[in-house]
Amino acid sequence: QVQLVESGGGLVQAGGSLRLSCAASGRTFSGYYMAWFRQAPGKEHEFVAAISWSGGSTNYADSVKGRFTISRDTAKNTVDLQMNSLKPEDTAVYYCAADPPGRLGVRRGAGGDYWGKGTLVTVSS
């Protein structure tokens, strides 16, 4: 069974940086698509960034392009999200999501088959 565990959230001032990490376990992730979503208070889930497990394909929400970078480490089975130039509007619970081969939710920015429990990022002004 796939397990996703996020870490790295916290409180940071506007303009600062944080690095989130998602530890994936339970199976071989070859062919999977991995992603980060976020949910701000009172709002719906929002796609942030996605990456193929091979690392050859990435995509980002317009709101984070140029500020956030998604990466994966196949040896450690982790997917990281480096967040720079953080803004108060980036405040949210950040979730790691995964789709097995053949599923399109992550690639479409709609969601994944598997989810972590989330990590809270708070950006103060």
PDB file of N, CA and C in Angstrom:
ATOM      1  N   GLN A   1       0.837  -1.190   0.000  1.00  0.00           N
ATOM      2  CA  GLN A   1       0.000   0.000   0.000  1.00  0.00           C
ATOM      3  C   GLN A   1       0.876   1.245   0.000  1.00  0.00           C
ATOM      4  N   VAL A   2       0.518   2.192  -0.852  1.00  0.00           N
ATOM      5  CA  VAL A   2       1.293   3.419  -0.954  1.00  0.00           C
ATOM      6  C   VAL A   2       1.073   4.285   0.285  1.00  0.00           C
ATOM      7  N   GLN A   3       2.181   4.765   0.828  1.00  0.00           N
ATOM      8  CA  GLN A   3       2.116   5.728   1.931  1.00  0.00           C
ATOM      9  C   GLN A   3       2.927   6.958   1.557  1.00  0.00           C
ATOM     10  N   LEU A   4       2.360   8.112   1.832  1.00  0.00           N
ATOM     11  CA  LEU A   4       3.017   9.387   1.566  1.00  0.00           C
ATOM     12  C   LEU A   4       3.042  10.184   2.859  1.00  0.00           C
ATOM     13  N   VAL A   5       4.220  10.626   3.266  1.00  0.00           N
ATOM     14  CA  VAL A   5       4.356  11.363   4.511  1.00  0.00           C
ATOM     15  C   VAL A   5       5.099  12.665   4.238  1.00  0.00           C
ATOM     16  N   GLU A   6       4.420  13.780   4.481  1.00  0.00           N
ATOM     17  CA  GLU A   6       5.007  15.088   4.246  1.00  0.00           C
ATOM     18  C   GLU A   6       5.724  15.597   5.493  1.00  0.00           C
ATOM     19  N   SER A   7       6.718  16.437   5.259  1.00  0.00           N
ATOM     20  CA  SER A   7       7.433  17.099   6.348  1.00  0.00           C
ATOM     21  C   SER A   7       7.997  18.413   5.824  1.00  0.00           C
ATOM     22  N   GLY A   8       8.412  19.264   6.759  1.00  0.00           N
ATOM     23  CA  GLY A   8       9.097  20.494   6.380  1.00  0.00           C
ATOM     24  C   GLY A   8       8.281  21.767   6.505  1.00  0.00           C
ATOM     25  N   GLY A   9       7.012  21.640   6.841  1.00  0.00           N
ATOM     26  CA  GLY A   9       6.199  22.838   6.985  1.00  0.00           C
ATOM     27  C   GLY A   9       6.597  23.655   8.206  1.00  0.00           C
ATOM     28  N   GLY A  10       6.055  24.859   8.279  1.00  0.00           N
ATOM     29  CA  GLY A  10       6.359  25.714   9.429  1.00  0.00           C
ATOM     30  C   GLY A  10       5.952  27.143   9.177  1.00  0.00           C
ATOM     31  N   LEU A  11       6.431  28.019  10.033  1.00  0.00           N
ATOM     32  CA  LEU A  11       6.137  29.447   9.958  1.00  0.00           C
ATOM     33  C   LEU A  11       7.344  30.172   9.360  1.00  0.00           C
ATOM     34  N   VAL A  12       7.087  31.011   8.364  1.00  0.00           N
ATOM     35  CA  VAL A  12       8.159  31.755   7.713  1.00  0.00           C
ATOM     36  C   VAL A  12       7.650  33.145   7.362  1.00  0.00           C
ATOM     37  N   GLN A  13       8.543  34.105   7.346  1.00  0.00           N
ATOM     38  CA  GLN A  13       8.155  35.462   6.956  1.00  0.00           C
ATOM     39  C   GLN A  13       8.060  35.571   5.441  1.00  0.00           C
ATOM     40  N   ALA A  14       7.253  36.506   4.998  1.00  0.00           N
ATOM     41  CA  ALA A  14       7.140  36.760   3.565  1.00  0.00           C
ATOM     42  C   ALA A  14       8.519  37.045   2.974  1.00  0.00           C
ATOM     43  N   GLY A  15       8.770  36.462   1.805  1.00  0.00           N
ATOM     44  CA  GLY A  15      10.069  36.583   1.172  1.00  0.00           C
ATOM     45  C   GLY A  15      11.025  35.467   1.515  1.00  0.00           C
ATOM     46  N   GLY A  16      10.672  34.679   2.518  1.00  0.00           N
ATOM     47  CA  GLY A  16      11.528  33.583   2.955  1.00  0.00           C
ATOM     48  C   GLY A  16      11.342  32.326   2.132  1.00  0.00           C
ATOM     49  N   SER A  17      12.014  31.260   2.574  1.00  0.00           N
ATOM     50  CA  SER A  17      11.999  29.988   1.855  1.00  0.00           C
ATOM     51  C   SER A  17      11.700  28.834   2.808  1.00  0.00           C
ATOM     52  N   LEU A  18      11.124  27.788   2.244  1.00  0.00           N
ATOM     53  CA  LEU A  18      10.919  26.525   2.949  1.00  0.00           C
ATOM     54  C   LEU A  18      11.105  25.402   1.947  1.00  0.00           C
ATOM     55  N   ARG A  19      11.501  24.249   2.452  1.00  0.00           N
ATOM     56  CA  ARG A  19      11.614  23.071   1.600  1.00  0.00           C
ATOM     57  C   ARG A  19      10.765  21.969   2.201  1.00  0.00           C
ATOM     58  N   LEU A  20       9.764  21.534   1.453  1.00  0.00           N
ATOM     59  CA  LEU A  20       8.906  20.437   1.870  1.00  0.00           C
ATOM     60  C   LEU A  20       9.427  19.138   1.279  1.00  0.00           C
ATOM     61  N   SER A  21       9.213  18.067   2.007  1.00  0.00           N
ATOM     62  CA  SER A  21       9.614  16.757   1.518  1.00  0.00           C
ATOM     63  C   SER A  21       8.474  15.761   1.690  1.00  0.00           C
ATOM     64  N   CYS A  22       8.342  14.878   0.725  1.00  0.00           N
ATOM     65  CA  CYS A  22       7.329  13.814   0.766  1.00  0.00           C
ATOM     66  C   CYS A  22       8.059  12.476   0.676  1.00  0.00           C
ATOM     67  N   ALA A  23       7.952  11.685   1.712  1.00  0.00           N
ATOM     68  CA  ALA A  23       8.556  10.350   1.718  1.00  0.00           C
ATOM     69  C   ALA A  23       7.530   9.342   1.237  1.00  0.00           C
ATOM     70  N   ALA A  24       7.848   8.659   0.159  1.00  0.00           N
ATOM     71  CA  ALA A  24       6.926   7.695  -0.443  1.00  0.00           C
ATOM     72  C   ALA A  24       7.397   6.271  -0.161  1.00  0.00           C
ATOM     73  N   SER A  25       6.473   5.412   0.188  1.00  0.00           N
ATOM     74  CA  SER A  25       6.822   4.019   0.470  1.00  0.00           C
ATOM     75  C   SER A  25       5.676   3.101   0.094  1.00  0.00           C
ATOM     76  N   GLY A  26       5.949   1.820   0.067  1.00  0.00           N
ATOM     77  CA  GLY A  26       4.903   0.842  -0.151  1.00  0.00           C
ATOM     78  C   GLY A  26       4.995   0.089  -1.461  1.00  0.00           C
ATOM     79  N   ARG A  27       5.703   0.637  -2.418  1.00  0.00           N
ATOM     80  CA  ARG A  27       5.865  -0.043  -3.688  1.00  0.00           C
ATOM     81  C   ARG A  27       6.927   0.658  -4.523  1.00  0.00           C
ATOM     82  N   THR A  28       7.210   0.093  -5.681  1.00  0.00           N
ATOM     83  CA  THR A  28       8.113   0.736  -6.621  1.00  0.00           C
ATOM     84  C   THR A  28       7.345   1.825  -7.352  1.00  0.00           C
ATOM     85  N   PHE A  29       7.956   3.004  -7.472  1.00  0.00           N
ATOM     86  CA  PHE A  29       7.235   4.136  -8.028  1.00  0.00           C
ATOM     87  C   PHE A  29       7.575   4.439  -9.482  1.00  0.00           C
ATOM     88  N   SER A  30       8.230   3.543 -10.121  1.00  0.00           N
ATOM     89  CA  SER A  30       8.525   3.720 -11.537  1.00  0.00           C
ATOM     90  C   SER A  30       7.231   3.916 -12.301  1.00  0.00           C
ATOM     91  N   GLY A  31       7.180   4.980 -13.127  1.00  0.00           N
ATOM     92  CA  GLY A  31       5.982   5.259 -13.900  1.00  0.00           C
ATOM     93  C   GLY A  31       4.949   6.113 -13.190  1.00  0.00           C
ATOM     94  N   TYR A  32       5.158   6.371 -11.925  1.00  0.00           N
ATOM     95  CA  TYR A  32       4.209   7.195 -11.168  1.00  0.00           C
ATOM     96  C   TYR A  32       4.388   8.678 -11.497  1.00  0.00           C
ATOM     97  N   TYR A  33       3.324   9.430 -11.305  1.00  0.00           N
ATOM     98  CA  TYR A  33       3.370  10.883 -11.291  1.00  0.00           C
ATOM     99  C   TYR A  33       3.134  11.328  -9.860  1.00  0.00           C
ATOM    100  N   MET A  34       3.947  12.277  -9.419  1.00  0.00           N
ATOM    101  CA  MET A  34       3.872  12.785  -8.057  1.00  0.00           C
ATOM    102  C   MET A  34       3.556  14.270  -8.099  1.00  0.00           C
ATOM    103  N   ALA A  35       2.877  14.761  -7.084  1.00  0.00           N
ATOM    104  CA  ALA A  35       2.483  16.167  -7.112  1.00  0.00           C
ATOM    105  C   ALA A  35       2.337  16.733  -5.712  1.00  0.00           C
ATOM    106  N   TRP A  36       2.337  18.041  -5.677  1.00  0.00           N
ATOM    107  CA  TRP A  36       1.979  18.790  -4.469  1.00  0.00           C
ATOM    108  C   TRP A  36       0.705  19.582  -4.764  1.00  0.00           C
ATOM    109  N   PHE A  37      -0.218  19.497  -3.823  1.00  0.00           N
ATOM    110  CA  PHE A  37      -1.411  20.321  -3.835  1.00  0.00           C
ATOM    111  C   PHE A  37      -1.415  21.109  -2.534  1.00  0.00           C
ATOM    112  N   ARG A  38      -2.285  22.099  -2.460  1.00  0.00           N
ATOM    113  CA  ARG A  38      -2.433  22.840  -1.211  1.00  0.00           C
ATOM    114  C   ARG A  38      -3.873  23.230  -1.003  1.00  0.00           C
ATOM    115  N   GLN A  39      -4.216  23.451   0.250  1.00  0.00           N
ATOM    116  CA  GLN A  39      -5.559  23.890   0.588  1.00  0.00           C
ATOM    117  C   GLN A  39      -5.463  24.985   1.628  1.00  0.00           C
ATOM    118  N   ALA A  40      -5.859  26.174   1.239  1.00  0.00           N
ATOM    119  CA  ALA A  40      -5.888  27.309   2.154  1.00  0.00           C
ATOM    120  C   ALA A  40      -7.208  27.284   2.928  1.00  0.00           C
ATOM    121  N   PRO A  41      -7.243  27.939   4.090  1.00  0.00           N
ATOM    122  CA  PRO A  41      -8.474  27.954   4.889  1.00  0.00           C
ATOM    123  C   PRO A  41      -9.663  28.449   4.079  1.00  0.00           C
ATOM    124  N   GLY A  42     -10.725  27.686   4.074  1.00  0.00           N
ATOM    125  CA  GLY A  42     -11.945  28.084   3.393  1.00  0.00           C
ATOM    126  C   GLY A  42     -11.915  27.926   1.888  1.00  0.00           C
ATOM    127  N   LYS A  43     -10.849  27.341   1.362  1.00  0.00           N
ATOM    128  CA  LYS A  43     -10.737  27.179  -0.091  1.00  0.00           C
ATOM    129  C   LYS A  43     -10.594  25.711  -0.455  1.00  0.00           C
ATOM    130  N   GLU A  44     -10.753  25.428  -1.732  1.00  0.00           N
ATOM    131  CA  GLU A  44     -10.630  24.061  -2.211  1.00  0.00           C
ATOM    132  C   GLU A  44      -9.161  23.722  -2.481  1.00  0.00           C
ATOM    133  N   HIS A  45      -8.934  22.420  -2.678  1.00  0.00           N
ATOM    134  CA  HIS A  45      -7.598  21.973  -3.048  1.00  0.00           C
ATOM    135  C   HIS A  45      -7.145  22.675  -4.313  1.00  0.00           C
ATOM    136  N   GLU A  46      -5.870  23.048  -4.335  1.00  0.00           N
ATOM    137  CA  GLU A  46      -5.298  23.738  -5.478  1.00  0.00           C
ATOM    138  C   GLU A  46      -4.028  23.019  -5.917  1.00  0.00           C
ATOM    139  N   PHE A  47      -3.922  22.756  -7.202  1.00  0.00           N
ATOM    140  CA  PHE A  47      -2.713  22.141  -7.743  1.00  0.00           C
ATOM    141  C   PHE A  47      -1.537  23.108  -7.612  1.00  0.00           C
ATOM    142  N   VAL A  48      -0.377  22.581  -7.228  1.00  0.00           N
ATOM    143  CA  VAL A  48       0.825  23.406  -7.087  1.00  0.00           C
ATOM    144  C   VAL A  48       1.872  23.005  -8.126  1.00  0.00           C
ATOM    145  N   ALA A  49       2.278  21.741  -8.111  1.00  0.00           N
ATOM    146  CA  ALA A  49       3.331  21.285  -9.024  1.00  0.00           C
ATOM    147  C   ALA A  49       3.294  19.773  -9.139  1.00  0.00           C
ATOM    148  N   ALA A  50       3.780  19.258 -10.264  1.00  0.00           N
ATOM    149  CA  ALA A  50       3.820  17.813 -10.481  1.00  0.00           C
ATOM    150  C   ALA A  50       5.105  17.429 -11.182  1.00  0.00           C
ATOM    151  N   ILE A  51       5.488  16.167 -10.997  1.00  0.00           N
ATOM    152  CA  ILE A  51       6.705  15.657 -11.623  1.00  0.00           C
ATOM    153  C   ILE A  51       6.532  14.177 -11.914  1.00  0.00           C
ATOM    154  N   SER A  52       7.054  13.750 -13.048  1.00  0.00           N
ATOM    155  CA  SER A  52       7.073  12.322 -13.343  1.00  0.00           C
ATOM    156  C   SER A  52       8.185  11.664 -12.530  1.00  0.00           C
ATOM    157  N   TRP A  53       8.005  10.398 -12.182  1.00  0.00           N
ATOM    158  CA  TRP A  53       9.018   9.743 -11.370  1.00  0.00           C
ATOM    159  C   TRP A  53      10.357   9.675 -12.113  1.00  0.00           C
ATOM    160  N   SER A  54      10.297   9.637 -13.438  1.00  0.00           N
ATOM    161  CA  SER A  54      11.539   9.651 -14.218  1.00  0.00           C
ATOM    162  C   SER A  54      12.224  11.006 -14.138  1.00  0.00           C
ATOM    163  N   GLY A  55      11.458  12.039 -13.766  1.00  0.00           N
ATOM    164  CA  GLY A  55      12.020  13.381 -13.650  1.00  0.00           C
ATOM    165  C   GLY A  55      12.028  14.155 -14.941  1.00  0.00           C
ATOM    166  N   GLY A  56      11.547  13.533 -16.018  1.00  0.00           N
ATOM    167  CA  GLY A  56      11.611  14.191 -17.306  1.00  0.00           C
ATOM    168  C   GLY A  56      10.501  15.177 -17.566  1.00  0.00           C
ATOM    169  N   SER A  57       9.515  15.206 -16.716  1.00  0.00           N
ATOM    170  CA  SER A  57       8.369  16.083 -16.956  1.00  0.00           C
ATOM    171  C   SER A  57       7.953  16.760 -15.667  1.00  0.00           C
ATOM    172  N   THR A  58       7.842  18.073 -15.715  1.00  0.00           N
ATOM    173  CA  THR A  58       7.350  18.836 -14.578  1.00  0.00           C
ATOM    174  C   THR A  58       6.329  19.854 -15.073  1.00  0.00           C
ATOM    175  N   ASN A  59       5.414  20.237 -14.203  1.00  0.00           N
ATOM    176  CA  ASN A  59       4.543  21.367 -14.501  1.00  0.00           C
ATOM    177  C   ASN A  59       4.137  22.057 -13.212  1.00  0.00           C
ATOM    178  N   TYR A  60       3.808  23.327 -13.348  1.00  0.00           N
ATOM    179  CA  TYR A  60       3.558  24.185 -12.195  1.00  0.00           C
ATOM    180  C   TYR A  60       2.296  25.010 -12.396  1.00  0.00           C
ATOM    181  N   ALA A  61       1.660  25.328 -11.292  1.00  0.00           N
ATOM    182  CA  ALA A  61       0.587  26.311 -11.326  1.00  0.00           C
ATOM    183  C   ALA A  61       1.199  27.672 -11.641  1.00  0.00           C
ATOM    184  N   ASP A  62       0.442  28.494 -12.353  1.00  0.00           N
ATOM    185  CA  ASP A  62       0.955  29.816 -12.718  1.00  0.00           C
ATOM    186  C   ASP A  62       1.333  30.625 -11.482  1.00  0.00           C
ATOM    187  N   SER A  63       0.611  30.413 -10.394  1.00  0.00           N
ATOM    188  CA  SER A  63       0.821  31.204  -9.186  1.00  0.00           C
ATOM    189  C   SER A  63       2.163  30.926  -8.510  1.00  0.00           C
ATOM    190  N   VAL A  64       2.811  29.817  -8.860  1.00  0.00           N
ATOM    191  CA  VAL A  64       4.079  29.478  -8.205  1.00  0.00           C
ATOM    192  C   VAL A  64       5.247  29.397  -9.174  1.00  0.00           C
ATOM    193  N   LYS A  65       4.994  29.537 -10.466  1.00  0.00           N
ATOM    194  CA  LYS A  65       6.077  29.452 -11.461  1.00  0.00           C
ATOM    195  C   LYS A  65       7.164  30.479 -11.161  1.00  0.00           C
ATOM    196  N   GLY A  66       8.398  30.026 -11.231  1.00  0.00           N
ATOM    197  CA  GLY A  66       9.521  30.904 -10.969  1.00  0.00           C
ATOM    198  C   GLY A  66       9.875  31.024  -9.506  1.00  0.00           C
ATOM    199  N   ARG A  67       9.006  30.538  -8.621  1.00  0.00           N
ATOM    200  CA  ARG A  67       9.281  30.621  -7.175  1.00  0.00           C
ATOM    201  C   ARG A  67       9.457  29.244  -6.547  1.00  0.00           C
ATOM    202  N   PHE A  68       8.694  28.258  -7.034  1.00  0.00           N
ATOM    203  CA  PHE A  68       8.732  26.906  -6.479  1.00  0.00           C
ATOM    204  C   PHE A  68       9.399  25.959  -7.471  1.00  0.00           C
ATOM    205  N   THR A  69      10.093  24.961  -6.931  1.00  0.00           N
ATOM    206  CA  THR A  69      10.717  23.934  -7.759  1.00  0.00           C
ATOM    207  C   THR A  69      10.428  22.565  -7.176  1.00  0.00           C
ATOM    208  N   ILE A  70       9.887  21.673  -8.001  1.00  0.00           N
ATOM    209  CA  ILE A  70       9.616  20.305  -7.573  1.00  0.00           C
ATOM    210  C   ILE A  70      10.751  19.410  -8.076  1.00  0.00           C
ATOM    211  N   SER A  71      11.130  18.459  -7.238  1.00  0.00           N
ATOM    212  CA  SER A  71      12.194  17.525  -7.617  1.00  0.00           C
ATOM    213  C   SER A  71      11.925  16.185  -6.945  1.00  0.00           C
ATOM    214  N   ARG A  72      12.615  15.156  -7.409  1.00  0.00           N
ATOM    215  CA  ARG A  72      12.459  13.847  -6.769  1.00  0.00           C
ATOM    216  C   ARG A  72      13.815  13.168  -6.679  1.00  0.00           C
ATOM    217  N   ASP A  73      13.944  12.320  -5.679  1.00  0.00           N
ATOM    218  CA  ASP A  73      15.157  11.549  -5.469  1.00  0.00           C
ATOM    219  C   ASP A  73      14.750  10.080  -5.491  1.00  0.00           C
ATOM    220  N   THR A  74      15.073   9.400  -6.578  1.00  0.00           N
ATOM    221  CA  THR A  74      14.618   8.023  -6.728  1.00  0.00           C
ATOM    222  C   THR A  74      15.326   7.073  -5.778  1.00  0.00           C
ATOM    223  N   ALA A  75      16.505   7.445  -5.318  1.00  0.00           N
ATOM    224  CA  ALA A  75      17.228   6.588  -4.366  1.00  0.00           C
ATOM    225  C   ALA A  75      16.592   6.649  -2.980  1.00  0.00           C
ATOM    226  N   LYS A  76      16.121   7.833  -2.614  1.00  0.00           N
ATOM    227  CA  LYS A  76      15.513   8.022  -1.298  1.00  0.00           C
ATOM    228  C   LYS A  76      13.994   7.896  -1.332  1.00  0.00           C
ATOM    229  N   ASN A  77      13.416   7.796  -2.533  1.00  0.00           N
ATOM    230  CA  ASN A  77      11.950   7.773  -2.682  1.00  0.00           C
ATOM    231  C   ASN A  77      11.302   9.005  -2.050  1.00  0.00           C
ATOM    232  N   THR A  78      11.835  10.160  -2.375  1.00  0.00           N
ATOM    233  CA  THR A  78      11.279  11.405  -1.867  1.00  0.00           C
ATOM    234  C   THR A  78      10.962  12.357  -3.010  1.00  0.00           C
ATOM    235  N   VAL A  79       9.985  13.198  -2.768  1.00  0.00           N
ATOM    236  CA  VAL A  79       9.622  14.262  -3.692  1.00  0.00           C
ATOM    237  C   VAL A  79       9.647  15.565  -2.893  1.00  0.00           C
ATOM    238  N   ASP A  80      10.447  16.497  -3.302  1.00  0.00           N
ATOM    239  CA  ASP A  80      10.622  17.747  -2.568  1.00  0.00           C
ATOM    240  C   ASP A  80       9.987  18.916  -3.294  1.00  0.00           C
ATOM    241  N   LEU A  81       9.628  19.924  -2.522  1.00  0.00           N
ATOM    242  CA  LEU A  81       9.126  21.171  -3.078  1.00  0.00           C
ATOM    243  C   LEU A  81       9.909  22.307  -2.436  1.00  0.00           C
ATOM    244  N   GLN A  82      10.795  22.910  -3.210  1.00  0.00           N
ATOM    245  CA  GLN A  82      11.540  24.064  -2.735  1.00  0.00           C
ATOM    246  C   GLN A  82      10.709  25.304  -3.007  1.00  0.00           C
ATOM    247  N   MET A  83      10.400  26.044  -1.951  1.00  0.00           N
ATOM    248  CA  MET A  83       9.541  27.217  -2.073  1.00  0.00           C
ATOM    249  C   MET A  83      10.335  28.456  -1.704  1.00  0.00           C
ATOM    250  N   ASN A  84      10.509  29.341  -2.646  1.00  0.00           N
ATOM    251  CA  ASN A  84      11.236  30.593  -2.431  1.00  0.00           C
ATOM    252  C   ASN A  84      10.298  31.783  -2.610  1.00  0.00           C
ATOM    253  N   SER A  85      10.735  32.929  -2.133  1.00  0.00           N
ATOM    254  CA  SER A  85       9.952  34.169  -2.275  1.00  0.00           C
ATOM    255  C   SER A  85       8.509  33.954  -1.823  1.00  0.00           C
ATOM    256  N   LEU A  86       8.352  33.357  -0.671  1.00  0.00           N
ATOM    257  CA  LEU A  86       7.013  33.013  -0.188  1.00  0.00           C
ATOM    258  C   LEU A  86       6.193  34.256   0.088  1.00  0.00           C
ATOM    259  N   LYS A  87       4.887  34.119  -0.157  1.00  0.00           N
ATOM    260  CA  LYS A  87       3.929  35.197   0.032  1.00  0.00           C
ATOM    261  C   LYS A  87       2.879  34.750   1.042  1.00  0.00           C
ATOM    262  N   PRO A  88       2.227  35.705   1.701  1.00  0.00           N
ATOM    263  CA  PRO A  88       1.160  35.309   2.640  1.00  0.00           C
ATOM    264  C   PRO A  88       0.099  34.440   1.973  1.00  0.00           C
ATOM    265  N   GLU A  89      -0.173  34.667   0.711  1.00  0.00           N
ATOM    266  CA  GLU A  89      -1.191  33.863   0.022  1.00  0.00           C
ATOM    267  C   GLU A  89      -0.747  32.429  -0.256  1.00  0.00           C
ATOM    268  N   ASP A  90       0.509  32.091   0.042  1.00  0.00           N
ATOM    269  CA  ASP A  90       0.967  30.711  -0.043  1.00  0.00           C
ATOM    270  C   ASP A  90       0.619  29.917   1.211  1.00  0.00           C
ATOM    271  N   THR A  91       0.091  30.597   2.215  1.00  0.00           N
ATOM    272  CA  THR A  91      -0.300  29.923   3.450  1.00  0.00           C
ATOM    273  C   THR A  91      -1.370  28.868   3.165  1.00  0.00           C
ATOM    274  N   ALA A  92      -1.096  27.640   3.568  1.00  0.00           N
ATOM    275  CA  ALA A  92      -2.007  26.528   3.280  1.00  0.00           C
ATOM    276  C   ALA A  92      -1.453  25.250   3.905  1.00  0.00           C
ATOM    277  N   VAL A  93      -2.288  24.233   3.926  1.00  0.00           N
ATOM    278  CA  VAL A  93      -1.796  22.884   4.189  1.00  0.00           C
ATOM    279  C   VAL A  93      -1.369  22.305   2.845  1.00  0.00           C
ATOM    280  N   TYR A  94      -0.146  21.808   2.794  1.00  0.00           N
ATOM    281  CA  TYR A  94       0.408  21.270   1.563  1.00  0.00           C
ATOM    282  C   TYR A  94       0.373  19.753   1.614  1.00  0.00           C
ATOM    283  N   TYR A  95      -0.165  19.156   0.558  1.00  0.00           N
ATOM    284  CA  TYR A  95      -0.345  17.710   0.481  1.00  0.00           C
ATOM    285  C   TYR A  95       0.474  17.133  -0.668  1.00  0.00           C
ATOM    286  N   CYS A  96       1.032  15.987  -0.418  1.00  0.00           N
ATOM    287  CA  CYS A  96       1.686  15.208  -1.455  1.00  0.00           C
ATOM    288  C   CYS A  96       0.664  14.227  -2.034  1.00  0.00           C
ATOM    289  N   ALA A  97       0.683  14.059  -3.350  1.00  0.00           N
ATOM    290  CA  ALA A  97      -0.247  13.138  -4.011  1.00  0.00           C
ATOM    291  C   ALA A  97       0.500  12.307  -5.043  1.00  0.00           C
ATOM    292  N   ALA A  98      -0.051  11.149  -5.350  1.00  0.00           N
ATOM    293  CA  ALA A  98       0.596  10.253  -6.306  1.00  0.00           C
ATOM    294  C   ALA A  98      -0.428   9.539  -7.156  1.00  0.00           C
ATOM    295  N   ASP A  99      -0.065   9.311  -8.406  1.00  0.00           N
ATOM    296  CA  ASP A  99      -0.877   8.540  -9.333  1.00  0.00           C
ATOM    297  C   ASP A  99      -0.039   7.415  -9.921  1.00  0.00           C
ATOM    298  N   PRO A 100      -0.589   6.193  -9.977  1.00  0.00           N
ATOM    299  CA  PRO A 100       0.114   5.092 -10.634  1.00  0.00           C
ATOM    300  C   PRO A 100       0.064   5.267 -12.150  1.00  0.00           C
ATOM    301  N   PRO A 101       0.834   4.474 -12.868  1.00  0.00           N
ATOM    302  CA  PRO A 101       0.811   4.563 -14.336  1.00  0.00           C
ATOM    303  C   PRO A 101      -0.596   4.387 -14.889  1.00  0.00           C
ATOM    304  N   GLY A 102      -0.931   5.230 -15.854  1.00  0.00           N
ATOM    305  CA  GLY A 102      -2.241   5.142 -16.493  1.00  0.00           C
ATOM    306  C   GLY A 102      -3.296   6.044 -15.908  1.00  0.00           C
ATOM    307  N   ARG A 103      -3.048   6.554 -14.730  1.00  0.00           N
ATOM    308  CA  ARG A 103      -4.009   7.480 -14.118  1.00  0.00           C
ATOM    309  C   ARG A 103      -3.615   8.900 -14.489  1.00  0.00           C
ATOM    310  N   LEU A 104      -4.589   9.776 -14.648  1.00  0.00           N
ATOM    311  CA  LEU A 104      -4.322  11.104 -15.198  1.00  0.00           C
ATOM    312  C   LEU A 104      -4.621  12.251 -14.231  1.00  0.00           C
ATOM    313  N   GLY A 105      -5.133  11.954 -13.065  1.00  0.00           N
ATOM    314  CA  GLY A 105      -5.551  13.016 -12.157  1.00  0.00           C
ATOM    315  C   GLY A 105      -4.445  13.992 -11.809  1.00  0.00           C
ATOM    316  N   VAL A 106      -3.285  13.466 -11.434  1.00  0.00           N
ATOM    317  CA  VAL A 106      -2.167  14.340 -11.071  1.00  0.00           C
ATOM    318  C   VAL A 106      -1.736  15.164 -12.273  1.00  0.00           C
ATOM    319  N   ARG A 107      -1.597  14.511 -13.411  1.00  0.00           N
ATOM    320  CA  ARG A 107      -1.149  15.241 -14.609  1.00  0.00           C
ATOM    321  C   ARG A 107      -2.126  16.321 -15.029  1.00  0.00           C
ATOM    322  N   ARG A 108      -3.394  16.137 -14.711  1.00  0.00           N
ATOM    323  CA  ARG A 108      -4.406  17.137 -15.043  1.00  0.00           C
ATOM    324  C   ARG A 108      -4.572  18.161 -13.936  1.00  0.00           C
ATOM    325  N   GLY A 109      -3.846  17.971 -12.848  1.00  0.00           N
ATOM    326  CA  GLY A 109      -3.981  18.904 -11.735  1.00  0.00           C
ATOM    327  C   GLY A 109      -5.258  18.720 -10.944  1.00  0.00           C
ATOM    328  N   ALA A 110      -5.880  17.564 -11.088  1.00  0.00           N
ATOM    329  CA  ALA A 110      -7.184  17.338 -10.459  1.00  0.00           C
ATOM    330  C   ALA A 110      -7.086  16.568  -9.155  1.00  0.00           C
ATOM    331  N   GLY A 111      -5.986  15.873  -8.928  1.00  0.00           N
ATOM    332  CA  GLY A 111      -5.861  15.079  -7.718  1.00  0.00           C
ATOM    333  C   GLY A 111      -5.204  13.751  -8.019  1.00  0.00           C
ATOM    334  N   GLY A 112      -4.893  13.001  -6.973  1.00  0.00           N
ATOM    335  CA  GLY A 112      -4.239  11.732  -7.158  1.00  0.00           C
ATOM    336  C   GLY A 112      -4.976  10.591  -6.488  1.00  0.00           C
ATOM    337  N   ASP A 113      -4.532   9.376  -6.781  1.00  0.00           N
ATOM    338  CA  ASP A 113      -5.116   8.208  -6.141  1.00  0.00           C
ATOM    339  C   ASP A 113      -4.679   8.090  -4.679  1.00  0.00           C
ATOM    340  N   TYR A 114      -3.494   8.609  -4.388  1.00  0.00           N
ATOM    341  CA  TYR A 114      -2.943   8.493  -3.040  1.00  0.00           C
ATOM    342  C   TYR A 114      -2.587   9.884  -2.518  1.00  0.00           C
ATOM    343  N   TRP A 115      -2.809  10.062  -1.214  1.00  0.00           N
ATOM    344  CA  TRP A 115      -2.568  11.358  -0.579  1.00  0.00           C
ATOM    345  C   TRP A 115      -1.854  11.172   0.749  1.00  0.00           C
ATOM    346  N   GLY A 116      -1.023  12.171   1.081  1.00  0.00           N
ATOM    347  CA  GLY A 116      -0.490  12.237   2.422  1.00  0.00           C
ATOM    348  C   GLY A 116      -1.452  13.009   3.309  1.00  0.00           C
ATOM    349  N   LYS A 117      -1.067  13.196   4.568  1.00  0.00           N
ATOM    350  CA  LYS A 117      -1.944  13.877   5.527  1.00  0.00           C
ATOM    351  C   LYS A 117      -1.699  15.376   5.569  1.00  0.00           C
ATOM    352  N   GLY A 118      -0.647  15.833   4.936  1.00  0.00           N
ATOM    353  CA  GLY A 118      -0.416  17.254   4.811  1.00  0.00           C
ATOM    354  C   GLY A 118       0.544  17.835   5.833  1.00  0.00           C
ATOM    355  N   THR A 119       1.101  18.982   5.471  1.00  0.00           N
ATOM    356  CA  THR A 119       1.970  19.740   6.375  1.00  0.00           C
ATOM    357  C   THR A 119       1.626  21.212   6.212  1.00  0.00           C
ATOM    358  N   LEU A 120       1.528  21.919   7.336  1.00  0.00           N
ATOM    359  CA  LEU A 120       1.056  23.296   7.333  1.00  0.00           C
ATOM    360  C   LEU A 120       2.201  24.260   7.061  1.00  0.00           C
ATOM    361  N   VAL A 121       1.965  25.160   6.113  1.00  0.00           N
ATOM    362  CA  VAL A 121       2.891  26.248   5.817  1.00  0.00           C
ATOM    363  C   VAL A 121       2.170  27.562   6.113  1.00  0.00           C
ATOM    364  N   THR A 122       2.775  28.373   6.971  1.00  0.00           N
ATOM    365  CA  THR A 122       2.205  29.664   7.316  1.00  0.00           C
ATOM    366  C   THR A 122       3.213  30.745   6.964  1.00  0.00           C
ATOM    367  N   VAL A 123       2.794  31.692   6.138  1.00  0.00           N
ATOM    368  CA  VAL A 123       3.671  32.779   5.718  1.00  0.00           C
ATOM    369  C   VAL A 123       3.121  34.071   6.312  1.00  0.00           C
ATOM    370  N   SER A 124       3.900  34.688   7.162  1.00  0.00           N
ATOM    371  CA  SER A 124       3.468  35.915   7.814  1.00  0.00           C
ATOM    372  C   SER A 124       3.908  37.136   7.014  1.00  0.00           C
ATOM    373  N   SER A 125       3.090  38.178   7.090  1.00  0.00           N
ATOM    374  CA  SER A 125       3.394  39.399   6.319  1.00  0.00           C
ATOM    375  C   SER A 125       4.272  40.351   7.100  1.00  0.00           C
TER     376      SER A 125
END
